[in-house]
Amino acid sequence: MSMKRISFSPGQLFEVPAGDDDHAFGLMLEKSPYWAFYDREANFDEAGRPADDPMFIVAVAKSAYSSGKWGEPIRKLPNQALPPIPRFFRQDPISGDCDIFDPSGGSDEGTSAAPEDCIGLERYAVWSAEHVVSRIADTYAGRPNSFTESMRVKF
């Protein structure tokens, strides 16, 4: 049996497996490759708007969902229900120089920033399915995620 190939389409909502008999909701945002991940208890109103903030928003590798291993979309939310894509930071591993960029602005150009300005922002990375699932499982278990911790801004 072959799985159906899944294409990126804003507003598609998935039930993402997260360990034994657990899941989270993954929502494709306005622009590829960005996804918002919601707790298994998340509620969506009649218009499709999530009642709660996502646990996290990250860029997701196409291979994480395109093969169908996260299943098919369970619902399509309207574009006006999608949360905005947040700003991310990047940090040069050699110099330590940082910049902050806004993916929804249509450009990869960033604004130079001090490392302190990056606290609270996600480091830009394209996440694999395994890393997304481990982050969800760690969140549910109340423990730090090693991948997330390794990507914190360095001082």
Foldseek 3Di string as FASTA:
>chain_A
DAAAFDDQDFQFKFFADQPPPATWIWGRAPDAQKIFTAHPPWDADPQRAIPDHGPDMAHADSVQPRRQPRHGGPDGHDNVRGDAQDKAKEADPPPLWMFIDGVVVVDPDTHTDDLVVRPPHFHHDHDHNVLVSQCNNCVVVVHDRPVRVVRRRDD
